N, C-alpha and C. Protein backbone atom coordinates (compact mmCIF):
# COMPACT_ATOMS: atom_id res chain seq x y z
N MET A 1 0.93 -1.48 -0.23
CA MET A 1 0.10 0.14 -0.21
C MET A 1 0.79 1.38 0.11
N SER A 2 0.60 2.25 -0.91
CA SER A 2 1.45 3.20 -0.93
C SER A 2 1.27 4.18 0.32
N ILE A 3 1.83 5.18 0.36
CA ILE A 3 1.73 6.26 1.34
C ILE A 3 0.87 7.22 1.06
N LYS A 4 0.38 7.17 -0.22
CA LYS A 4 -0.74 8.27 -0.31
C LYS A 4 -1.88 7.62 0.16
N ASN A 5 -2.11 6.54 -0.07
CA ASN A 5 -3.51 5.62 0.21
C ASN A 5 -3.75 5.51 1.92
N ILE A 6 -2.17 5.17 2.29
CA ILE A 6 -2.48 5.15 3.89
C ILE A 6 -2.49 6.86 4.61
N PHE A 7 -2.19 7.61 3.87
CA PHE A 7 -2.64 8.93 4.38
C PHE A 7 -3.88 9.43 4.03
N PHE A 8 -4.97 8.53 2.90
CA PHE A 8 -5.96 9.14 2.69
C PHE A 8 -7.10 8.25 3.73
N ILE A 9 -6.56 7.18 3.98
CA ILE A 9 -7.35 6.30 5.02
C ILE A 9 -6.88 6.98 6.51
N PHE A 10 -6.15 7.50 6.98
CA PHE A 10 -5.91 8.29 8.41
C PHE A 10 -6.91 9.57 8.10
N ILE A 11 -7.02 10.17 6.99
CA ILE A 11 -7.52 11.30 6.99
C ILE A 11 -9.36 11.16 7.07
N ILE A 12 -9.98 10.09 6.68
CA ILE A 12 -10.91 9.55 6.60
C ILE A 12 -11.31 9.22 8.19
N LEU A 13 -10.63 8.65 8.64
CA LEU A 13 -10.90 7.66 10.16
C LEU A 13 -10.81 9.04 11.10
N LEU A 14 -10.06 9.99 10.86
CA LEU A 14 -10.07 11.37 11.64
C LEU A 14 -11.45 12.17 11.70
N ILE A 15 -11.98 12.03 10.55
CA ILE A 15 -13.17 12.93 9.82
C ILE A 15 -14.18 12.03 10.90
N ILE A 16 -14.34 10.58 10.66
CA ILE A 16 -15.02 9.86 11.49
C ILE A 16 -14.97 10.10 12.89
N SER A 17 -14.15 10.02 13.52
CA SER A 17 -13.78 10.33 15.03
C SER A 17 -14.45 11.82 15.18
N CYS A 18 -14.18 12.61 14.42
CA CYS A 18 -14.55 13.99 14.86
C CYS A 18 -16.09 14.31 15.03
N ASP A 19 -16.66 13.70 13.96
CA ASP A 19 -18.49 13.58 13.71
C ASP A 19 -18.69 12.91 15.07
N LYS A 20 -18.03 11.60 15.51
CA LYS A 20 -19.08 10.79 16.50
C LYS A 20 -18.93 11.79 17.99
N LYS A 21 -17.78 12.31 18.15
CA LYS A 21 -17.53 13.44 18.98
C LYS A 21 -18.37 14.50 19.18
N THR A 22 -18.56 14.73 18.03
CA THR A 22 -19.53 16.39 17.87
C THR A 22 -20.95 15.71 18.26
N SER A 23 -21.12 14.51 17.51
CA SER A 23 -22.72 14.10 17.74
C SER A 23 -22.51 13.48 19.44
N LYS A 24 -21.69 13.14 20.19
CA LYS A 24 -21.93 12.91 21.63
C LYS A 24 -22.04 14.18 22.44
N ASP A 25 -21.29 15.25 22.07
CA ASP A 25 -21.31 16.65 22.47
C ASP A 25 -22.81 17.18 22.64
N ASN A 26 -23.72 16.93 21.19
CA ASN A 26 -24.89 17.62 21.02
C ASN A 26 -25.75 16.94 21.84
N ILE A 27 -25.73 15.51 22.25
CA ILE A 27 -26.62 14.66 22.81
C ILE A 27 -26.55 14.81 24.17
N ILE A 28 -25.25 15.28 25.05
CA ILE A 28 -24.78 15.86 26.35
C ILE A 28 -26.02 17.22 26.47
N ILE A 29 -25.46 18.10 25.69
CA ILE A 29 -26.24 19.37 25.93
C ILE A 29 -27.74 19.35 25.52
N GLN A 30 -28.14 18.35 24.88
CA GLN A 30 -29.70 18.53 24.90
C GLN A 30 -30.26 17.91 26.04
N LYS A 31 -29.57 16.64 26.84
CA LYS A 31 -29.60 16.12 28.03
C LYS A 31 -29.97 17.00 29.17
N ASP A 32 -29.05 18.27 29.28
CA ASP A 32 -28.71 19.14 30.32
C ASP A 32 -30.03 19.96 30.20
N THR A 33 -30.81 20.56 28.94
CA THR A 33 -31.60 21.33 28.89
C THR A 33 -32.75 20.91 28.51
N THR A 34 -32.98 19.62 28.46
CA THR A 34 -34.51 19.27 28.51
C THR A 34 -35.19 19.34 29.68
N LEU A 35 -36.46 19.75 30.01
CA LEU A 35 -37.16 19.65 30.69
C LEU A 35 -38.03 18.20 30.91
N THR A 36 -38.02 17.60 32.41
CA THR A 36 -39.18 16.41 32.33
C THR A 36 -40.10 16.85 32.64
N LYS A 37 -40.84 15.62 32.81
CA LYS A 37 -42.25 15.37 33.19
C LYS A 37 -42.39 14.74 34.56
N LYS A 38 -41.27 14.86 35.29
CA LYS A 38 -41.34 13.79 36.52
C LYS A 38 -41.73 14.80 37.79
N ALA A 39 -42.34 14.44 38.40
CA ALA A 39 -42.81 15.62 39.45
C ALA A 39 -41.71 15.88 40.68
N ILE A 40 -41.70 16.96 40.77
CA ILE A 40 -40.61 17.35 41.80
C ILE A 40 -41.44 17.73 43.00
N ALA A 41 -41.18 17.10 44.39
CA ALA A 41 -42.10 17.23 45.63
C ALA A 41 -41.15 18.21 46.45
N ILE A 42 -41.77 19.25 46.72
CA ILE A 42 -41.28 20.35 48.07
C ILE A 42 -42.08 20.82 48.99
N ASN A 43 -41.12 20.48 50.19
CA ASN A 43 -42.24 20.43 51.42
C ASN A 43 -41.61 21.55 52.37
N ILE A 44 -42.11 22.77 52.06
CA ILE A 44 -41.44 23.80 52.62
C ILE A 44 -42.46 24.78 52.97
N GLU A 45 -43.79 24.21 53.32
CA GLU A 45 -45.03 25.31 53.25
C GLU A 45 -45.15 25.60 55.04
N VAL A 46 -45.73 26.73 55.24
CA VAL A 46 -46.00 27.09 56.21
C VAL A 46 -47.65 27.34 56.05
N LYS A 47 -48.70 26.52 56.94
CA LYS A 47 -50.23 26.87 56.64
C LYS A 47 -50.71 27.47 57.67
N LEU A 48 -51.76 27.85 57.55
CA LEU A 48 -52.86 28.67 58.44
C LEU A 48 -53.23 28.15 59.30
N ASN A 49 -53.11 28.49 60.68
CA ASN A 49 -53.90 27.58 61.71
C ASN A 49 -55.46 27.81 61.49
N SER A 50 -56.08 27.24 62.45
CA SER A 50 -57.67 27.18 62.47
C SER A 50 -58.18 28.41 62.79
N LYS A 51 -57.71 29.46 63.23
CA LYS A 51 -58.34 30.66 63.24
C LYS A 51 -58.05 31.43 62.14
N ALA A 52 -56.97 31.55 61.74
CA ALA A 52 -56.58 32.18 60.60
C ALA A 52 -57.35 31.94 59.18
N LYS A 53 -57.44 30.47 59.18
CA LYS A 53 -58.46 29.97 58.15
C LYS A 53 -59.95 30.37 58.36
N LYS A 54 -60.34 30.47 59.44
CA LYS A 54 -61.73 31.29 59.72
C LYS A 54 -61.61 32.44 58.93
N ILE A 55 -61.01 33.30 59.37
CA ILE A 55 -60.66 34.67 58.91
C ILE A 55 -60.76 34.82 57.29
N VAL A 56 -60.12 34.03 56.77
CA VAL A 56 -59.67 34.22 55.25
C VAL A 56 -60.41 33.56 54.51
N GLU A 57 -61.58 32.83 55.02
CA GLU A 57 -62.51 31.84 54.26
C GLU A 57 -63.37 32.45 53.41
N ASN A 58 -63.99 34.02 53.61
CA ASN A 58 -64.25 34.56 52.43
C ASN A 58 -63.54 35.57 51.74
N TRP A 59 -62.09 35.35 51.73
CA TRP A 59 -61.25 36.27 50.95
C TRP A 59 -61.04 35.44 49.66
N LYS A 60 -61.92 35.60 48.61
CA LYS A 60 -61.95 34.43 47.37
C LYS A 60 -60.43 34.56 46.79
N GLU A 61 -60.09 35.77 46.74
CA GLU A 61 -58.61 36.06 45.83
C GLU A 61 -57.45 34.91 46.50
N TYR A 62 -57.39 34.90 48.24
CA TYR A 62 -56.60 34.01 48.42
C TYR A 62 -57.07 32.41 48.59
N GLN A 63 -58.41 32.16 48.38
CA GLN A 63 -58.71 30.83 48.39
C GLN A 63 -58.20 30.41 47.13
N ASN A 64 -58.51 31.38 46.10
CA ASN A 64 -57.95 30.87 44.42
C ASN A 64 -56.70 30.65 44.21
N PHE A 65 -55.93 31.42 44.93
CA PHE A 65 -54.60 31.19 44.60
C PHE A 65 -53.98 30.13 45.76
N ASP A 66 -54.57 29.75 47.02
CA ASP A 66 -54.16 28.77 47.57
C ASP A 66 -54.45 27.22 46.88
N LYS A 67 -55.67 27.31 46.38
CA LYS A 67 -56.13 26.16 45.86
C LYS A 67 -55.23 25.56 44.56
N PHE A 68 -54.52 26.91 43.72
CA PHE A 68 -53.98 26.68 42.42
C PHE A 68 -52.43 26.22 42.92
N ILE A 69 -51.70 26.79 43.88
CA ILE A 69 -50.54 26.78 44.18
C ILE A 69 -50.32 25.35 44.59
N ILE A 70 -51.08 24.67 45.29
CA ILE A 70 -51.24 23.03 45.77
C ILE A 70 -50.46 22.34 44.88
N GLN A 71 -50.58 22.71 43.50
CA GLN A 71 -49.81 21.66 42.39
C GLN A 71 -48.42 21.95 42.66
N TYR A 72 -48.18 23.19 42.81
CA TYR A 72 -46.44 23.37 42.83
C TYR A 72 -45.56 22.57 44.04
N ARG A 73 -46.44 22.27 45.13
CA ARG A 73 -45.89 21.44 45.82
C ARG A 73 -45.54 19.76 45.39
N ASN A 74 -45.93 19.45 44.25
CA ASN A 74 -45.40 18.59 43.87
C ASN A 74 -45.51 18.27 42.04
N ILE A 75 -44.91 19.07 41.49
CA ILE A 75 -45.39 19.11 39.97
C ILE A 75 -43.81 19.32 39.21
N SER A 76 -43.98 18.65 38.03
CA SER A 76 -42.84 18.55 37.23
C SER A 76 -42.46 19.87 36.84
N SER A 77 -41.36 20.28 36.31
CA SER A 77 -40.76 21.28 35.68
C SER A 77 -41.69 22.06 34.51
N SER A 78 -41.69 20.96 33.67
CA SER A 78 -42.60 21.69 32.31
C SER A 78 -44.01 21.98 32.50
N ASP A 79 -44.62 21.32 33.61
CA ASP A 79 -45.92 21.46 33.82
C ASP A 79 -45.62 23.06 34.79
N GLY A 80 -44.95 23.17 35.45
CA GLY A 80 -44.81 24.54 36.33
C GLY A 80 -44.49 25.71 35.43
N PHE A 81 -43.67 25.30 34.28
CA PHE A 81 -43.61 26.50 33.62
C PHE A 81 -44.61 26.85 32.77
N LEU A 82 -45.49 25.62 32.30
CA LEU A 82 -46.70 25.88 31.50
C LEU A 82 -47.62 26.42 32.53
N ASN A 83 -48.13 26.27 33.22
CA ASN A 83 -48.92 27.20 34.56
C ASN A 83 -48.31 28.23 35.25
N ALA A 84 -47.34 28.61 34.83
CA ALA A 84 -46.70 29.98 35.66
C ALA A 84 -47.43 31.21 35.16
N ASP A 85 -47.80 31.53 33.87
CA ASP A 85 -48.57 32.60 33.68
C ASP A 85 -49.99 32.91 34.43
N GLU A 86 -50.46 31.73 34.78
CA GLU A 86 -51.81 31.64 35.39
C GLU A 86 -51.37 31.85 36.96
N LEU A 87 -50.85 31.24 37.47
CA LEU A 87 -49.95 31.65 38.82
C LEU A 87 -49.90 32.92 39.08
N SER A 88 -49.18 33.64 38.26
CA SER A 88 -48.83 35.15 38.40
C SER A 88 -49.98 35.94 38.35
N GLU A 89 -50.80 35.39 37.75
CA GLU A 89 -52.35 36.32 37.56
C GLU A 89 -53.11 36.15 38.79
N LEU A 90 -53.06 35.01 39.45
CA LEU A 90 -54.01 34.90 40.70
C LEU A 90 -52.96 35.47 41.95
N ALA A 91 -51.69 35.68 41.86
CA ALA A 91 -50.89 36.35 42.69
C ALA A 91 -51.13 37.62 42.93
N GLN A 92 -51.38 38.22 41.35
CA GLN A 92 -51.61 39.83 41.50
C GLN A 92 -53.33 40.10 41.78
N GLN A 93 -54.13 39.10 41.50
CA GLN A 93 -55.56 39.31 41.72
C GLN A 93 -55.39 39.32 43.56
N LEU A 94 -54.53 38.57 44.20
CA LEU A 94 -54.28 38.21 45.31
C LEU A 94 -53.69 39.57 46.23
N LYS A 95 -52.82 40.02 45.45
CA LYS A 95 -52.08 41.53 45.72
C LYS A 95 -52.97 42.35 45.92
N ASP A 96 -53.77 42.81 45.14
CA ASP A 96 -54.65 43.81 44.66
C ASP A 96 -55.96 43.60 45.54
N SER A 97 -56.20 42.81 46.43
CA SER A 97 -57.55 42.59 46.93
C SER A 97 -57.31 42.51 48.33
N ILE A 98 -56.85 42.82 49.43
CA ILE A 98 -56.95 42.47 50.66
C ILE A 98 -58.35 42.86 51.27
N ARG A 99 -58.89 42.23 51.58
CA ARG A 99 -60.42 42.06 51.82
C ARG A 99 -60.74 42.44 53.28
N ILE A 100 -59.38 42.24 54.34
CA ILE A 100 -59.51 42.07 55.56
C ILE A 100 -58.57 42.93 56.38
N GLU A 101 -59.13 43.92 57.14
CA GLU A 101 -58.69 45.24 57.45
C GLU A 101 -57.56 45.19 58.31
N GLU A 102 -57.87 44.05 59.17
CA GLU A 102 -56.36 43.75 60.15
C GLU A 102 -55.20 43.21 58.91
N PHE A 103 -55.18 42.82 57.76
CA PHE A 103 -54.41 42.80 57.02
C PHE A 103 -53.73 43.98 56.18
N GLN A 104 -54.57 45.18 56.27
CA GLN A 104 -54.18 46.44 55.26
C GLN A 104 -53.12 47.11 56.28
N ILE A 105 -52.12 46.30 55.94
CA ILE A 105 -50.67 46.94 56.59
C ILE A 105 -49.53 46.95 56.24
N PRO A 106 -48.26 47.49 56.11
CA PRO A 106 -47.38 47.51 55.21
C PRO A 106 -47.08 45.86 55.38
N SER A 107 -46.42 45.32 56.41
CA SER A 107 -45.94 43.66 56.54
C SER A 107 -46.81 42.97 55.89
N VAL A 108 -47.91 43.32 55.80
CA VAL A 108 -48.77 41.79 54.72
C VAL A 108 -48.68 42.57 53.17
N ARG A 109 -48.83 44.17 53.22
CA ARG A 109 -48.47 43.84 51.38
C ARG A 109 -47.58 43.82 51.19
N ILE A 110 -46.13 44.04 52.01
CA ILE A 110 -44.40 43.72 51.48
C ILE A 110 -44.81 42.33 51.20
N ARG A 111 -45.27 41.21 51.98
CA ARG A 111 -45.17 39.91 51.49
C ARG A 111 -46.13 39.44 50.09
N LEU A 112 -47.17 40.49 50.04
CA LEU A 112 -47.76 39.96 49.00
C LEU A 112 -47.16 40.12 47.75
N ASN A 113 -46.20 41.59 47.92
CA ASN A 113 -45.64 42.12 46.66
C ASN A 113 -44.56 41.15 46.17
N VAL A 114 -44.18 40.62 47.33
CA VAL A 114 -42.69 39.68 47.11
C VAL A 114 -43.44 38.40 46.52
N LEU A 115 -44.51 37.74 46.99
CA LEU A 115 -45.07 36.94 46.43
C LEU A 115 -45.34 36.68 44.76
N TYR A 116 -45.88 37.94 44.78
CA TYR A 116 -46.17 38.31 43.18
C TYR A 116 -45.03 38.31 42.20
N ASN A 117 -44.07 38.99 42.82
CA ASN A 117 -42.79 39.33 42.15
C ASN A 117 -42.22 37.77 41.55
N GLU A 118 -42.03 37.07 42.50
CA GLU A 118 -41.39 35.57 42.42
C GLU A 118 -42.10 34.88 41.61
N THR A 119 -43.53 35.20 41.48
CA THR A 119 -44.46 34.22 40.20
C THR A 119 -44.35 34.99 38.71
N LEU A 120 -43.98 36.16 38.83
CA LEU A 120 -44.15 36.93 37.61
C LEU A 120 -42.58 36.29 37.46
N ARG A 121 -41.40 36.15 38.13
CA ARG A 121 -39.99 36.20 37.48
C ARG A 121 -40.27 34.53 36.72
N LEU A 122 -41.18 33.52 37.65
CA LEU A 122 -41.38 32.45 36.95
C LEU A 122 -41.86 32.54 35.39
N ALA A 123 -43.19 33.42 35.50
CA ALA A 123 -43.52 33.37 34.36
C ALA A 123 -42.63 33.53 33.24
N ASP A 124 -41.73 34.69 33.70
CA ASP A 124 -40.80 35.35 32.66
C ASP A 124 -39.76 34.36 32.08
N MET A 125 -39.53 33.45 33.24
CA MET A 125 -38.21 32.38 32.91
C MET A 125 -38.92 31.30 32.16
N SER A 126 -40.21 31.34 32.00
CA SER A 126 -40.94 30.21 30.91
C SER A 126 -40.85 30.56 29.46
N THR A 127 -40.87 31.73 29.24
CA THR A 127 -40.12 32.33 27.88
C THR A 127 -39.05 32.35 27.43
N ILE A 128 -38.11 31.95 28.28
CA ILE A 128 -36.83 31.76 27.77
C ILE A 128 -36.43 30.49 27.60
N LYS A 129 -35.78 29.92 26.48
CA LYS A 129 -35.29 28.93 26.01
C LYS A 129 -34.02 28.35 26.82
N ASN A 130 -33.84 26.97 27.03
CA ASN A 130 -32.67 26.40 27.63
C ASN A 130 -33.04 26.78 29.20
N MET A 131 -33.81 27.00 29.81
CA MET A 131 -34.26 26.77 31.03
C MET A 131 -34.45 25.43 31.52
N THR A 132 -33.15 25.23 32.67
CA THR A 132 -33.27 24.12 33.45
C THR A 132 -34.06 23.44 34.24
N GLU A 133 -33.96 22.49 34.83
CA GLU A 133 -35.08 21.89 35.68
C GLU A 133 -34.37 22.23 37.01
N ILE A 134 -33.05 22.48 37.25
CA ILE A 134 -32.55 23.41 38.54
C ILE A 134 -32.94 24.77 38.50
N ASP A 135 -33.20 25.20 37.43
CA ASP A 135 -33.88 26.75 37.53
C ASP A 135 -35.05 26.67 38.17
N PHE A 136 -36.27 25.75 37.55
CA PHE A 136 -37.37 25.71 37.83
C PHE A 136 -37.52 25.44 39.42
N ILE A 137 -36.77 24.20 40.09
CA ILE A 137 -36.52 24.22 41.33
C ILE A 137 -36.62 25.32 42.21
N ASN A 138 -35.26 26.11 41.94
CA ASN A 138 -34.86 27.39 42.72
C ASN A 138 -36.15 28.26 42.44
N GLU A 139 -36.50 28.55 41.62
CA GLU A 139 -37.30 29.41 41.83
C GLU A 139 -39.03 29.08 42.16
N ASN A 140 -39.18 27.39 41.97
CA ASN A 140 -40.44 27.36 42.77
C ASN A 140 -40.23 27.14 44.46
N LYS A 141 -38.98 27.11 44.65
CA LYS A 141 -38.77 27.43 46.07
C LYS A 141 -39.00 28.75 46.84
N ASN A 142 -38.73 29.53 45.75
CA ASN A 142 -38.98 30.92 46.30
C ASN A 142 -40.24 31.39 46.41
N ILE A 143 -40.87 30.84 45.35
CA ILE A 143 -42.63 31.05 45.66
C ILE A 143 -43.18 30.45 46.55
N LEU A 144 -42.70 29.18 47.05
CA LEU A 144 -43.28 28.48 48.19
C LEU A 144 -42.97 29.23 49.27
N ASN A 145 -41.77 29.36 49.60
CA ASN A 145 -41.27 30.54 50.55
C ASN A 145 -41.75 31.43 50.97
N ALA A 146 -42.32 32.21 49.56
CA ALA A 146 -42.97 33.53 49.95
C ALA A 146 -44.03 33.45 50.44
N PHE A 147 -44.95 32.52 49.91
CA PHE A 147 -46.43 31.90 50.40
C PHE A 147 -46.37 31.77 51.58
N SER A 148 -45.26 30.92 52.38
CA SER A 148 -45.32 30.56 53.48
C SER A 148 -45.21 32.12 54.64
N ALA A 149 -44.00 32.89 54.26
CA ALA A 149 -43.85 33.76 54.75
C ALA A 149 -45.31 34.88 54.99
N LEU A 150 -46.19 34.58 54.05
CA LEU A 150 -47.54 35.29 54.06
C LEU A 150 -48.25 34.53 54.88
N ASN A 151 -48.36 33.62 55.15
CA ASN A 151 -49.23 32.82 56.10
C ASN A 151 -48.87 32.82 57.50
N SER A 152 -47.35 33.04 57.53
CA SER A 152 -47.02 32.87 58.88
C SER A 152 -47.15 34.16 59.46
N LYS A 153 -47.10 35.33 58.79
CA LYS A 153 -47.75 36.74 59.06
C LYS A 153 -48.82 36.95 59.24
N ILE A 154 -50.05 36.17 58.43
CA ILE A 154 -51.22 36.17 59.15
C ILE A 154 -51.66 35.46 60.38
N ASN A 155 -50.49 34.47 60.67
CA ASN A 155 -51.10 33.75 61.88
C ASN A 155 -50.50 34.61 62.98
N ASN A 156 -49.36 35.09 62.77
CA ASN A 156 -49.21 36.06 63.79
C ASN A 156 -50.01 37.12 64.18
N ILE A 157 -50.67 37.58 63.06
CA ILE A 157 -51.45 38.71 63.50
C ILE A 157 -52.62 38.11 64.32
N ILE A 158 -53.25 37.35 64.06
CA ILE A 158 -54.28 36.59 64.27
C ILE A 158 -53.93 36.20 65.90
N ASN A 159 -52.83 35.78 65.90
CA ASN A 159 -52.30 35.41 67.62
C ASN A 159 -52.23 36.65 68.20
N GLN A 160 -51.76 37.63 67.78
CA GLN A 160 -51.82 38.64 68.63
C GLN A 160 -52.84 39.38 68.91
N GLU A 161 -53.62 38.96 68.17
CA GLU A 161 -55.32 39.89 68.55
C GLU A 161 -55.67 38.92 69.55
N ASN A 162 -55.90 37.53 69.09
CA ASN A 162 -56.46 36.69 70.31
C ASN A 162 -55.59 36.81 71.64
N LEU A 163 -54.38 37.17 71.43
CA LEU A 163 -53.39 37.57 73.09
C LEU A 163 -53.76 38.85 73.59
N ASN A 164 -54.18 40.00 72.67
CA ASN A 164 -54.55 41.54 73.19
C ASN A 164 -56.08 40.78 73.53
N SER A 165 -56.92 40.22 72.96
CA SER A 165 -58.44 40.00 73.69
C SER A 165 -58.29 39.60 74.92
N GLU A 166 -57.40 38.20 75.10
CA GLU A 166 -57.18 37.42 76.33
C GLU A 166 -56.97 38.55 77.26
N VAL A 167 -55.68 39.15 77.07
CA VAL A 167 -55.19 40.26 78.12
C VAL A 167 -56.24 41.00 78.69
N SER A 168 -57.10 41.84 77.65
CA SER A 168 -57.99 42.91 78.05
C SER A 168 -59.16 42.34 78.76
N LYS A 169 -59.58 41.00 78.41
CA LYS A 169 -60.54 40.44 79.47
C LYS A 169 -60.10 40.27 80.83
N PHE A 170 -58.77 39.78 80.97
CA PHE A 170 -58.05 39.63 82.05
C PHE A 170 -58.13 40.97 82.77
N ILE A 171 -57.85 41.90 82.16
CA ILE A 171 -57.51 43.06 82.94
C ILE A 171 -59.12 43.88 83.38
N ASP A 172 -60.35 43.44 82.61
CA ASP A 172 -61.63 43.98 82.88
C ASP A 172 -61.99 43.16 84.09
N GLU A 173 -61.74 41.82 84.34
CA GLU A 173 -62.28 41.10 85.42
C GLU A 173 -61.51 41.51 86.36
N ILE A 174 -60.30 41.88 86.69
CA ILE A 174 -59.41 42.31 87.76
C ILE A 174 -60.09 43.79 88.12
N ILE A 175 -60.57 44.88 87.25
CA ILE A 175 -61.21 45.95 87.45
C ILE A 175 -62.41 45.61 88.11
N ASN A 176 -63.42 44.73 87.20
CA ASN A 176 -64.69 44.57 88.03
C ASN A 176 -64.56 43.91 89.07
N SER A 177 -63.67 42.82 89.89
CA SER A 177 -63.54 42.48 90.79
C SER A 177 -63.08 43.53 91.90
N SER A 178 -62.49 44.54 91.73
CA SER A 178 -61.86 45.51 92.19
C SER A 178 -63.34 46.54 93.03
N ASP A 179 -63.88 46.64 91.53
CA ASP A 179 -65.02 47.45 92.09
C ASP A 179 -65.72 47.06 92.75
N SER A 180 -66.26 45.41 92.78
CA SER A 180 -67.12 44.75 93.49
C SER A 180 -66.87 44.85 94.65
N SER A 181 -65.61 44.70 95.16
CA SER A 181 -64.94 44.76 96.51
C SER A 181 -65.21 46.20 97.23
N LYS A 182 -64.78 46.84 96.55
CA LYS A 182 -65.20 48.47 97.11
C LYS A 182 -66.48 48.66 97.20
N THR A 183 -67.62 48.20 96.32
CA THR A 183 -68.73 48.22 96.61
C THR A 183 -69.00 47.52 97.78
N ASN A 184 -68.97 46.22 98.01
CA ASN A 184 -68.98 45.52 99.29
C ASN A 184 -68.70 46.00 100.35
N GLN A 185 -67.39 46.74 100.14
CA GLN A 185 -66.88 47.41 101.29
C GLN A 185 -67.75 48.51 102.11
N ILE A 186 -68.24 49.19 100.99
CA ILE A 186 -68.87 50.63 101.17
C ILE A 186 -70.42 50.14 101.77
N LYS A 187 -70.90 48.97 101.46
CA LYS A 187 -72.53 48.69 102.03
C LYS A 187 -72.02 47.92 103.14
N HIS A 188 -70.93 47.62 103.52
CA HIS A 188 -70.72 46.90 105.00
C HIS A 188 -70.43 47.87 105.63
N ASN A 189 -69.67 48.99 105.44
CA ASN A 189 -69.48 50.25 106.38
C ASN A 189 -70.75 50.91 106.56
N THR A 190 -71.53 51.13 105.58
CA THR A 190 -72.92 51.95 105.58
C THR A 190 -73.72 51.20 106.86
N PHE A 191 -73.61 49.90 106.59
CA PHE A 191 -74.54 48.98 107.81
C PHE A 191 -73.97 48.96 109.18
N ASP A 192 -72.77 48.84 109.04
CA ASP A 192 -72.01 48.97 110.28
C ASP A 192 -72.42 50.44 110.96
N SER A 193 -72.20 51.23 110.34
CA SER A 193 -72.57 52.80 110.84
C SER A 193 -73.74 53.28 111.57
N ILE A 194 -74.70 52.50 111.15
CA ILE A 194 -76.47 52.50 111.47
C ILE A 194 -76.62 52.70 112.55
N PRO A 195 -76.24 51.46 113.47
CA PRO A 195 -76.28 51.48 115.05
C PRO A 195 -75.89 52.42 115.82
N LYS A 196 -74.63 52.95 115.43
CA LYS A 196 -73.77 53.82 116.16
C LYS A 196 -74.73 55.43 115.80
N GLU A 197 -75.13 55.34 114.87
CA GLU A 197 -75.92 56.66 114.60
C GLU A 197 -77.37 56.89 115.54
N ARG A 198 -77.85 55.53 115.36
CA ARG A 198 -79.17 55.66 116.19
C ARG A 198 -78.78 55.55 117.74
N LEU A 199 -77.55 54.90 118.02
CA LEU A 199 -77.13 55.36 119.67
C LEU A 199 -77.09 56.23 119.72
N LYS A 200 -76.01 57.35 119.06
CA LYS A 200 -76.30 58.95 119.05
C LYS A 200 -77.73 59.51 119.44
N LEU A 201 -78.53 59.03 118.46
CA LEU A 201 -79.96 59.77 118.54
C LEU A 201 -80.46 59.48 119.64
N GLU A 202 -80.57 58.51 120.21
CA GLU A 202 -81.03 57.87 121.29
C GLU A 202 -80.78 58.94 122.50
N LYS A 203 -79.43 59.04 122.60
CA LYS A 203 -78.66 59.58 123.75
C LYS A 203 -79.14 61.11 123.62
N ARG A 204 -79.32 61.69 122.53
CA ARG A 204 -79.84 62.87 122.21
C ARG A 204 -81.40 63.35 123.31
N ILE A 205 -81.91 62.28 122.46
CA ILE A 205 -83.55 62.07 122.86
C ILE A 205 -83.47 61.95 124.48
N ILE A 206 -82.67 61.28 125.12
CA ILE A 206 -82.83 61.23 126.33
C ILE A 206 -82.35 62.60 127.51
């Protein structure tokens, strides 16, 4: 075999080797950037206590968001991105509809704004190509953490109101008990003084 033929075969083998390597690299990149339909469970949620649930039961926007976000506790990255727009719309409705007077305070509004901003970021991410499953998981955690922070604040407000109510009742009981004791003492002193006055009057008559 001539040197020319050997060189030609070497060139062909080199080209085939490069093609295989390029194909392999493409497969790896595709694998890294493809979203899966495997559900991802995240358990980092703070729920409302029984008294707080009673307070928000007629807050329609809260109930709608709470029902919808349940799926984000155990959802695939592909479905999570697919429903991101609806989640952000519900978050906005929740933010703009504080129907309970006790919650119309800056600390609650801040938490609602944070929640809305996180859902809006997820909606923006859903329009970007090459988003990975890790990107979704991290942002989904941010959303669930923001909702947990809102629920925690609502629980604290209700607990503080209950504590204030109990303290107020306790103070009223003490005041009422003190007033009752004073009234009884006055009555007792009045009854005790009657015989003495009568004695004085009888002495004068005699």
